[in-house]
Protein backbone atom coordinates (compact mmCIF):
# COMPACT_ATOMS: atom_id res chain seq x y z
CA MET A 1 2.92 22.89 -169.25
CA GLY A 2 2.00 20.15 -166.82
CA ALA A 3 4.11 18.26 -164.30
CA VAL A 4 4.22 15.07 -162.27
CA TYR A 5 5.13 15.24 -158.61
CA ARG A 6 5.10 13.39 -155.31
CA ARG A 7 2.51 14.44 -152.79
CA LYS A 8 3.04 13.99 -149.07
CA GLY A 9 0.79 11.31 -147.64
CA SER A 10 0.09 9.63 -150.99
CA ARG A 11 1.89 6.62 -152.46
CA TYR A 12 0.79 7.55 -155.97
CA VAL A 13 2.39 10.07 -158.31
CA TRP A 14 0.23 13.17 -158.82
CA LEU A 15 -0.44 15.17 -161.98
CA LYS A 16 -0.77 18.91 -162.55
CA TRP A 17 -1.89 20.47 -165.85
CA PHE A 18 -3.88 23.33 -167.34
CA ASP A 19 -7.19 22.58 -168.99
CA ALA A 20 -8.57 24.04 -172.22
CA HIS A 21 -9.73 27.15 -170.34
CA GLY A 22 -6.33 27.80 -168.78
CA LEU A 23 -7.33 26.67 -165.29
CA GLU A 24 -4.96 24.56 -163.19
CA GLN A 25 -6.09 20.98 -162.51
CA ARG A 26 -4.61 18.35 -160.20
CA ARG A 27 -5.33 14.66 -159.66
CA SER A 28 -3.72 11.39 -158.65
CA SER A 29 -2.31 9.30 -161.47
CA GLY A 30 -3.29 6.10 -159.68
CA THR A 31 0.17 4.69 -160.29
CA GLU A 32 3.47 4.65 -158.40
CA SER A 33 5.51 4.78 -161.62
CA GLU A 34 6.65 8.24 -162.69
CA ASP A 35 7.03 7.05 -166.31
CA ASP A 36 3.44 5.80 -166.41
CA ALA A 37 2.26 9.02 -164.75
CA GLN A 38 4.13 11.10 -167.34
CA ALA A 39 2.52 9.13 -170.18
CA LEU A 40 -0.92 9.71 -168.65
CA LEU A 41 -0.21 13.43 -168.30
CA GLU A 42 0.79 13.70 -171.97
CA GLU A 43 -2.46 12.04 -173.02
CA ILE A 44 -4.51 14.38 -170.83
CA GLU A 45 -2.74 17.42 -172.28
CA ARG A 46 -3.35 16.13 -175.84
CA GLN A 47 -7.07 15.87 -175.11
CA GLU A 48 -7.12 19.36 -173.62
CA ARG A 49 -5.44 20.79 -176.73
CA GLU A 50 -8.19 19.29 -178.87
CA LYS A 51 -10.79 21.01 -176.69
CA ALA A 52 -9.08 24.40 -176.95
CA PRO A 53 -10.99 27.00 -179.01
CA ARG A 54 -9.87 27.64 -182.55
CA VAL A 55 -9.66 31.31 -183.53
CA VAL A 56 -10.71 32.25 -187.07
CA LEU A 57 -8.74 35.42 -187.73
CA GLY A 58 -10.95 36.62 -190.55
CA ALA A 59 -13.93 37.07 -188.24
CA LEU A 60 -12.13 37.86 -185.01
CA THR A 61 -13.76 40.49 -182.81
CA VAL A 62 -12.37 41.98 -179.62
CA GLU A 63 -14.91 40.17 -177.45
CA ARG A 64 -14.38 36.82 -179.13
CA TRP A 65 -10.60 36.93 -178.72
CA PHE A 66 -11.08 38.10 -175.17
CA ASP A 67 -13.42 35.22 -174.25
CA GLU A 68 -11.77 32.42 -176.18
CA VAL A 69 -8.09 33.21 -175.87
CA TRP A 70 -7.07 36.11 -173.67
CA LEU A 71 -9.13 35.43 -170.53
CA PRO A 72 -8.05 31.75 -170.32
CA LEU A 73 -4.48 32.92 -170.84
CA ARG A 74 -4.86 35.45 -168.03
CA GLN A 75 -6.36 32.84 -165.73
CA ARG A 76 -3.31 30.70 -166.27
CA THR A 77 -0.61 33.36 -166.03
CA ARG A 78 -2.24 35.68 -163.46
CA PRO A 79 -4.24 33.38 -161.17
CA TRP A 80 -4.60 36.07 -158.46
CA GLN A 81 -5.28 39.00 -160.78
CA TRP A 82 -7.59 37.82 -163.54
CA LYS A 83 -10.86 38.44 -161.70
CA SER A 84 -10.18 42.14 -161.27
CA ASP A 85 -8.94 42.29 -164.89
CA LEU A 86 -12.21 40.69 -166.00
CA ALA A 87 -14.26 43.23 -164.04
CA GLY A 88 -12.38 46.19 -165.52
CA MET A 89 -12.69 44.94 -169.11
CA ARG A 90 -16.36 43.95 -168.81
CA THR A 91 -17.34 47.23 -167.17
CA HIS A 92 -15.30 49.84 -169.02
CA PHE A 93 -13.87 48.48 -172.28
CA LEU A 94 -15.90 45.68 -173.84
CA PRO A 95 -19.23 47.60 -173.90
CA LYS A 96 -17.55 50.10 -176.24
CA PHE A 97 -15.24 47.90 -178.34
CA GLY A 98 -16.42 44.31 -177.86
CA GLY A 99 -18.02 44.13 -181.31
CA HIS A 100 -15.15 45.82 -183.17
CA ALA A 101 -12.80 43.82 -185.35
CA LEU A 102 -9.58 43.36 -183.40
CA ALA A 103 -7.42 44.03 -186.46
CA GLY A 104 -9.31 47.23 -187.16
CA LEU A 105 -8.23 48.72 -183.85
CA ALA A 106 -4.59 48.17 -184.80
CA THR A 107 -4.88 50.81 -187.56
CA ASP A 108 -4.34 54.57 -187.37
CA ALA A 109 -8.09 55.17 -187.14
CA GLY A 110 -8.42 52.52 -184.45
CA GLU A 111 -5.58 54.04 -182.45
CA VAL A 112 -7.34 57.42 -182.49
CA GLU A 113 -10.61 55.82 -181.30
CA LEU A 114 -8.81 54.06 -178.46
CA LEU A 115 -7.12 57.30 -177.42
CA LYS A 116 -10.50 59.05 -177.29
CA TRP A 117 -11.79 56.24 -175.09
CA LEU A 118 -8.78 56.61 -172.77
CA GLU A 119 -9.36 60.36 -172.41
CA GLY A 120 -13.04 59.75 -171.74
CA LEU A 121 -12.29 57.15 -169.08
CA ARG A 122 -12.15 59.89 -166.46
CA GLU A 123 -15.86 60.47 -167.05
CA HIS A 124 -16.76 56.84 -166.38
CA ARG A 125 -18.66 56.20 -163.16
CA SER A 126 -17.97 53.79 -160.37
CA ARG A 127 -20.55 51.02 -160.08
CA ARG A 128 -20.28 51.20 -156.30
CA ASP A 129 -21.23 54.82 -155.65
CA GLY A 130 -21.76 56.45 -159.07
CA THR A 131 -18.86 58.89 -158.67
CA PRO A 132 -16.13 59.42 -161.32
CA LEU A 133 -13.38 56.82 -161.34
CA ALA A 134 -10.34 57.49 -159.16
CA SER A 135 -7.09 58.08 -161.04
CA ARG A 136 -5.70 54.77 -159.79
CA THR A 137 -8.73 52.91 -161.15
CA GLN A 138 -8.35 54.65 -164.51
CA ARG A 139 -4.71 53.64 -164.67
CA ASN A 140 -5.51 50.05 -163.66
CA VAL A 141 -8.17 49.69 -166.37
CA ALA A 142 -5.85 51.26 -168.96
CA SER A 143 -3.07 48.87 -167.91
CA VAL A 144 -5.28 45.83 -168.51
CA VAL A 145 -6.29 47.11 -171.95
CA ARG A 146 -2.64 47.71 -172.85
CA MET A 147 -1.79 44.16 -171.78
CA PHE A 148 -4.71 42.85 -173.84
CA PHE A 149 -3.32 44.42 -177.03
CA ALA A 150 0.29 43.55 -176.15
CA ASP A 151 -0.66 39.87 -175.90
CA ALA A 152 -2.54 40.09 -179.21
CA ARG A 153 0.51 41.64 -180.86
CA GLN A 154 2.87 39.07 -179.37
CA ARG A 155 0.70 36.25 -180.76
CA LYS A 156 0.66 37.86 -184.22
CA VAL A 157 -3.12 38.44 -184.12
CA ILE A 158 -2.63 42.14 -184.87
CA ALA A 159 0.14 43.91 -186.77
CA ARG A 160 0.93 46.48 -184.05
CA ASN A 161 -0.06 47.50 -180.55
CA PRO A 162 -2.21 50.67 -180.75
CA THR A 163 -1.72 51.50 -177.05
CA VAL A 164 2.08 51.80 -176.82
CA ASP A 165 2.02 55.62 -176.58
CA TRP A 166 -0.53 55.89 -173.79
CA ALA A 167 1.85 56.70 -170.95
CA ARG A 168 1.65 60.49 -171.24
CA ASN A 169 -2.15 60.41 -171.50
CA LEU A 170 -2.66 58.63 -168.18
CA PRO A 171 -3.81 60.68 -165.15
CA ALA A 172 -1.41 61.40 -162.34
CA ILE A 173 -1.65 59.09 -159.35
CA GLU A 174 -3.63 60.82 -156.62
CA ASP A 175 -6.29 59.91 -154.09
CA LYS A 176 -9.91 60.29 -155.10
CA GLU A 177 -10.55 62.10 -151.82
CA ARG A 178 -7.56 64.33 -151.32
CA GLY A 179 -6.08 64.67 -147.87
CA TRP A 180 -7.64 61.59 -146.32
CA ARG A 181 -4.31 59.82 -145.82
CA ALA A 182 -3.02 62.64 -143.63
CA GLN A 183 -5.96 62.09 -141.26
CA ALA A 184 -6.03 58.29 -141.46
CA GLY A 185 -4.68 55.87 -138.88
CA PHE A 186 -5.34 55.20 -135.20
CA THR A 187 -3.78 56.73 -132.11
CA LEU A 188 -2.13 54.54 -129.50
CA GLU A 189 -5.05 55.12 -127.13
CA GLN A 190 -7.50 53.97 -129.85
CA VAL A 191 -5.44 50.84 -130.47
CA VAL A 192 -5.53 50.07 -126.77
CA THR A 193 -9.32 50.44 -126.84
CA LEU A 194 -9.73 48.10 -129.82
CA THR A 195 -7.53 45.46 -128.23
CA THR A 196 -8.89 45.58 -124.67
CA ASP A 197 -12.52 46.74 -124.66
CA GLU A 198 -14.58 43.73 -123.55
CA ARG A 199 -17.56 44.84 -125.61
CA ILE A 200 -15.57 43.48 -128.57
CA PRO A 201 -15.48 39.63 -128.74
CA GLU A 202 -12.21 38.14 -127.55
CA ASP A 203 -11.26 36.55 -130.87
CA ARG A 204 -11.42 39.91 -132.61
CA ARG A 205 -9.59 41.73 -129.80
CA VAL A 206 -6.65 39.35 -130.13
CA LEU A 207 -6.81 39.55 -133.93
CA TYR A 208 -6.63 43.36 -133.73
CA THR A 209 -3.65 43.04 -131.38
CA LEU A 210 -1.84 41.01 -134.02
CA ARG A 211 -2.81 43.39 -136.81
CA PHE A 212 -1.90 46.62 -134.98
CA LEU A 213 1.25 45.37 -133.21
CA GLY A 214 2.53 43.17 -136.01
CA GLY A 215 1.58 45.17 -139.09
CA LEU A 216 -0.06 42.25 -140.89
CA ARG A 217 -2.44 42.62 -143.82
CA PRO A 218 -5.89 41.00 -143.42
CA GLY A 219 -5.05 38.05 -145.67
CA GLU A 220 -1.75 37.44 -143.89
CA ALA A 221 -3.35 37.47 -140.45
CA ALA A 222 -6.13 35.15 -141.67
CA ASN A 223 -3.56 32.57 -142.82
CA ALA A 224 -1.33 32.57 -139.72
CA ARG A 225 -1.04 29.13 -138.08
CA TRP A 226 0.08 28.13 -134.60
CA ARG A 227 3.04 26.16 -136.00
CA GLU A 228 4.44 29.38 -137.46
CA LEU A 229 4.79 30.92 -134.00
CA ASN A 230 8.33 30.42 -132.64
CA ARG A 231 7.98 30.77 -128.87
CA SER A 232 11.61 29.97 -128.13
CA LYS A 233 13.01 32.88 -130.13
CA ARG A 234 14.64 35.68 -128.14
CA PRO A 235 14.50 38.50 -127.22
CA LEU A 236 10.95 38.28 -128.63
CA TRP A 237 8.88 35.46 -130.06
CA ARG A 238 8.83 35.27 -133.84
CA LEU A 239 5.84 34.78 -136.14
CA GLY A 240 7.04 33.62 -139.55
CA LEU A 241 4.65 33.84 -142.52
CA GLU A 242 5.28 32.64 -146.06
CA SER A 243 1.71 32.70 -147.34
CA SER A 244 -1.47 34.74 -147.33
CA PHE A 245 -5.15 34.03 -148.02
CA ASN A 246 -6.75 35.49 -151.12
CA SER A 247 -10.44 35.97 -150.26
CA PRO A 248 -11.81 36.56 -153.80
CA MET A 249 -10.13 33.38 -155.07
CA GLN A 250 -10.56 31.57 -151.72
CA ARG A 251 -7.07 30.14 -152.03
CA GLU A 252 -3.74 30.43 -150.27
CA LYS A 253 -1.01 32.30 -152.08
CA GLY A 254 2.30 33.91 -151.34
CA THR A 255 2.46 37.20 -149.45
CA LYS A 256 1.78 40.32 -151.50
CA THR A 257 5.45 40.84 -152.35
CA GLY A 258 6.33 37.13 -152.31
CA ALA A 259 8.66 37.57 -149.35
CA GLU A 260 8.71 35.67 -146.06
CA LEU A 261 7.56 37.83 -143.16
CA ASN A 262 9.29 37.60 -139.80
CA ILE A 263 7.27 39.43 -137.16
CA PRO A 264 8.71 40.11 -133.70
CA VAL A 265 5.91 39.48 -131.20
CA HIS A 266 5.35 42.55 -129.02
CA PRO A 267 5.01 41.68 -125.30
CA VAL A 268 1.38 42.83 -125.31
CA LEU A 269 0.70 40.57 -128.28
CA GLN A 270 2.52 37.69 -126.61
CA GLU A 271 0.34 37.96 -123.52
CA ALA A 272 -2.80 38.09 -125.68
CA LEU A 273 -1.72 35.03 -127.67
CA GLU A 274 -0.90 33.11 -124.50
CA ARG A 275 -4.40 33.76 -123.11
CA TRP A 276 -6.01 32.98 -126.47
CA ASP A 277 -4.09 29.71 -126.78
CA ALA A 278 -4.73 28.68 -123.17
CA ASN A 279 -8.50 29.18 -123.13
CA GLY A 280 -10.00 31.44 -125.79
CA TRP A 281 -9.26 29.35 -128.88
CA GLU A 282 -10.75 26.21 -127.34
CA GLU A 283 -13.86 28.07 -126.20
CA PHE A 284 -14.25 29.57 -129.68
CA MET A 285 -13.76 26.31 -131.62
CA GLY A 286 -14.97 23.73 -129.06
CA ARG A 287 -11.71 21.74 -129.12
CA LYS A 288 -8.00 22.03 -128.42
CA SER A 289 -5.88 23.73 -131.03
CA GLU A 290 -3.34 21.85 -133.15
CA PRO A 291 -0.15 23.22 -134.75
CA SER A 292 -1.73 23.18 -138.21
CA ASP A 293 -4.78 25.19 -137.08
CA PHE A 294 -5.21 28.83 -137.99
CA ILE A 295 -4.66 31.16 -135.05
CA PHE A 296 -7.81 33.12 -135.92
CA PRO A 297 -10.14 30.80 -137.84
CA ARG A 298 -13.79 31.20 -138.65
CA GLY A 299 -16.28 29.06 -136.78
CA ASP A 300 -15.80 26.30 -139.38
CA GLY A 301 -12.03 26.32 -138.93
CA GLN A 302 -11.29 27.98 -142.29
CA GLN A 303 -9.64 31.34 -142.99
CA ARG A 304 -11.56 34.52 -142.30
CA ARG A 305 -12.68 36.43 -145.39
CA VAL A 306 -11.65 40.05 -145.86
CA SER A 307 -15.21 41.22 -146.45
CA ALA A 308 -16.42 39.60 -143.23
CA THR A 309 -13.58 40.99 -141.13
CA TYR A 310 -14.25 44.49 -142.48
CA LYS A 311 -17.94 44.29 -141.53
CA GLN A 312 -16.96 43.15 -138.05
CA PHE A 313 -14.31 45.86 -137.83
CA LYS A 314 -16.83 48.58 -138.68
CA ALA A 315 -19.27 47.18 -136.12
CA ASP A 316 -16.56 47.10 -133.45
CA LEU A 317 -15.54 50.68 -134.18
CA ALA A 318 -19.15 51.75 -133.74
CA THR A 319 -19.41 49.78 -130.50
CA VAL A 320 -16.49 51.61 -128.88
CA GLY A 321 -17.36 54.97 -130.45
CA LEU A 322 -14.53 55.33 -132.96
CA PRO A 323 -14.94 56.72 -136.50
CA VAL A 324 -14.95 54.25 -139.37
CA GLN A 325 -11.64 53.72 -141.15
CA ARG A 326 -10.24 51.08 -143.50
CA GLN A 327 -9.13 47.89 -141.80
CA TYR A 328 -5.90 48.20 -143.79
CA GLU A 329 -4.98 51.16 -141.56
CA SER A 330 -3.72 48.65 -139.01
CA ARG A 331 -0.44 48.32 -140.93
CA SER A 332 0.04 52.05 -141.40
CA THR A 333 -0.80 52.58 -137.73
CA PHE A 334 1.80 50.02 -136.67
CA ARG A 335 4.47 51.70 -138.74
CA ASN A 336 3.63 55.23 -137.63
CA LEU A 337 3.38 54.35 -133.94
CA ALA A 338 6.80 52.72 -134.07
CA LEU A 339 8.41 55.47 -136.13
CA SER A 340 7.00 58.26 -133.96
CA ALA A 341 8.43 56.48 -130.92
CA GLY A 342 11.91 56.45 -132.44
CA ALA A 343 12.11 53.11 -134.26
CA ILE A 344 14.72 52.83 -136.99
CA GLU A 345 12.96 52.68 -140.34
CA PHE A 346 15.43 50.18 -141.79
CA HIS A 347 14.50 47.62 -139.13
CA LEU A 348 10.82 48.43 -139.47
CA ASN A 349 10.98 47.84 -143.22
CA LEU A 350 12.46 44.40 -142.59
CA ILE A 351 9.23 43.57 -140.74
CA THR A 352 6.60 45.03 -143.07
CA HIS A 353 8.33 45.29 -146.48
CA PRO A 354 11.24 42.82 -146.53
CA THR A 355 11.41 42.28 -150.30
CA PRO A 356 14.87 43.41 -151.54
CA LYS A 357 14.61 46.59 -153.62
CA ARG A 358 18.28 47.55 -154.00
CA ALA A 359 21.44 45.54 -154.56
CA SER A 360 22.61 46.29 -151.02
CA ASP A 361 19.43 44.72 -149.60
CA HIS A 362 20.71 41.29 -150.64
CA TYR A 363 23.48 41.65 -148.06
CA THR A 364 21.02 41.98 -145.18
CA ARG A 365 21.10 38.98 -142.80
CA LEU A 366 17.94 38.36 -140.82
CA GLU A 367 19.47 36.85 -137.70
CA MET A 368 22.02 39.64 -137.39
CA GLN A 369 19.26 42.25 -137.70
CA TRP A 370 16.77 40.44 -135.45
CA PRO A 371 17.65 42.39 -132.25
CA GLY A 372 17.12 45.65 -134.12
CA MET A 373 13.79 44.42 -135.50
CA CYS A 374 12.70 43.56 -131.96
CA ALA A 375 13.74 47.02 -130.80
CA ALA A 376 11.59 48.57 -133.53
CA VAL A 377 8.54 46.68 -132.23
CA LEU A 378 9.35 47.46 -128.60
CA ALA A 379 9.30 51.16 -129.44
CA ILE A 380 5.50 50.96 -129.16
CA ASP A 381 4.87 51.77 -125.51
CA ARG A 382 3.84 48.66 -123.60
CA ALA A 383 2.81 50.78 -120.63
CA ALA A 384 -0.13 52.16 -122.60
CA TRP A 385 -1.96 48.88 -121.92
CA THR A 386 -1.50 49.16 -118.14
CA ARG A 387 -2.71 52.71 -117.56
CA THR A 388 -5.99 53.21 -115.74
CA PRO A 389 -8.74 55.32 -117.35
CA GLN A 390 -7.96 58.06 -114.83
CA ASP A 391 -4.39 58.37 -116.02
CA ALA A 392 -3.75 61.35 -118.24
CA PRO A 393 -2.90 60.42 -121.82
CA ASN A 394 0.85 60.13 -122.25
CA THR A 395 1.95 61.99 -125.36
CA GLN A 396 5.64 61.40 -124.68
CA VAL A 397 7.58 58.46 -126.02
CA THR A 398 8.54 56.11 -123.20
CA VAL A 399 10.57 53.62 -125.21
CA ARG A 400 13.28 55.01 -127.45
CA VAL A 401 15.27 53.12 -130.07
CA THR A 402 18.90 54.00 -130.67
CA ASP A 403 21.73 52.42 -132.63
CA GLN A 404 22.70 50.57 -129.45
CA GLY A 405 19.23 49.17 -128.72
CA THR A 406 16.22 50.33 -126.78
CA THR A 407 16.09 52.56 -123.75
CA ASN A 408 13.19 53.13 -121.40
CA ASP A 409 12.29 54.79 -118.16
CA LYS A 410 13.23 51.90 -115.88
CA PRO A 411 15.86 52.76 -113.23
CA PRO A 412 19.40 51.57 -113.97
CA THR A 413 19.99 47.91 -113.14
CA ILE A 414 22.65 47.07 -110.56
CA LEU A 415 25.85 45.34 -111.65
CA THR A 416 26.38 41.96 -110.02
CA ILE A 417 29.39 39.66 -109.75
CA VAL A 418 29.17 36.75 -112.17
CA GLY A 419 32.13 34.43 -112.48
CA GLY A 420 34.46 37.00 -110.99
CA GLU A 421 33.37 39.70 -113.47
CA LEU A 422 30.85 42.49 -113.31
CA GLU A 423 27.76 41.79 -115.38
CA ARG A 424 24.43 43.58 -115.77
CA GLU A 425 21.12 41.86 -115.45
CA LYS A 426 19.99 40.45 -118.79
CA GLY A 427 17.64 42.52 -120.91
CA PHE A 428 17.63 45.72 -122.92
CA GLU A 429 19.96 48.45 -121.71
CA PRO A 430 18.17 50.92 -119.36
CA SER A 431 18.32 54.63 -120.02
CA THR A 432 20.41 56.80 -117.71
CA LEU A 433 19.16 59.74 -119.75
CA ALA A 434 15.62 59.03 -118.62
CA LEU A 435 16.81 59.06 -115.01
CA ALA A 436 18.62 62.32 -115.56
CA ARG A 437 15.50 63.89 -117.03
CA ARG A 438 13.50 63.02 -113.91
CA CYS A 439 16.10 64.24 -111.44
CA SER A 440 17.76 67.57 -110.89
CA THR A 441 21.57 67.72 -110.81
CA ALA A 442 21.57 67.96 -107.02
CA GLU A 443 19.37 64.87 -106.77
CA LEU A 444 21.28 62.87 -109.38
CA PHE A 445 24.79 62.90 -107.93
CA PRO A 446 23.83 61.36 -104.55
CA GLN A 447 22.09 58.52 -106.44
CA ILE A 448 25.17 57.96 -108.57
CA LEU A 449 27.46 57.96 -105.52
CA GLU A 450 25.13 55.61 -103.67
CA ARG A 451 25.10 53.16 -106.59
CA GLY A 452 28.90 53.39 -106.85
CA ALA A 453 29.28 52.68 -103.16
CA SER A 454 27.15 49.58 -103.49
CA LEU A 455 29.73 48.15 -105.92
């Protein structure tokens, strides 16, 4: 169903509708009257209905209903998913059943044939490398086929859905290459290398800093704009994202879960962004940045494509001598580095997976949890970026997150008189435990007495 709406920057009312193929269309009505625009929209939709294909049920094959009805429907209702659905159906299902009568597959004999196909799906080969399909791919293809028949049943094209009992015949979810997840991810030292090694171009170093210290997916990082960076937020800057870039469709969309992301900016990331904004971005693009610009654009100012960033990522890994991994490991690395350093998972989930999953999640208030979210990010040791190559790798956690906030190895701050009352210097609470660990009991008491005397 179409709609009329006002578009910022235009004095005319705009129209939105779906054409005969189920694709969304937009245009100006050329009029300032909403009533006239609505009348024009109704006429456009009438013409599109006349163009729509007519299905003759008596001669309806699987492929014909797929091409003329189901695919346009999928394009309209699943604008971000239909391309992968098309690939799965064209590769694995239509070659076998495209010429069959759709109604014939909704019989007992048809149900048996479909079940045989499902069981044989595990023998199908990947077009990419010729190996058997992974269990996830098998399940994805089966899911599309089930939806295909469910839609046909809902529209009364077939008498019953022959795929309703498939659940127990689907393979268990497991990785095609078992055990790889346990070995995946990057160490803190490797992250430091990827974000500081000058053999990697500056734009990609800063991009990797955002990806590894903010946990963003490639499409989310590609769509981040300068205006979404809140530099006045405390205790850390905030990067707020409501959209992502879908490379296959080359369009902006919501984030994967539809939630708004609020990313605390790690101090190392803040410093990198400040340098990038001061000089690097202008050198890369040949002009000053504007609030609406992408933080990490391509040379033409548009969003970076996932395929291109992966090729660059692989090349950069080879340049610095690191083994090839998926670029999506940046998010898992961010989570595991923070968790292993003591971050509270609840606060970490608010950064990377904020979509409510339980009833209690709807009671979470972002601003009240913001300090804890910042503490989760600060758990990743900032000092790792200041060590010299001669320094021995530090396998201990320097920053520790507790229910009261973060603690680190800085010496205790001195209390000062402010307005007649004792007050600590502003900042995260320092750890007396860290001091105690570095000092013996005999050494510790004189320091405590000395600090007490100074008050």
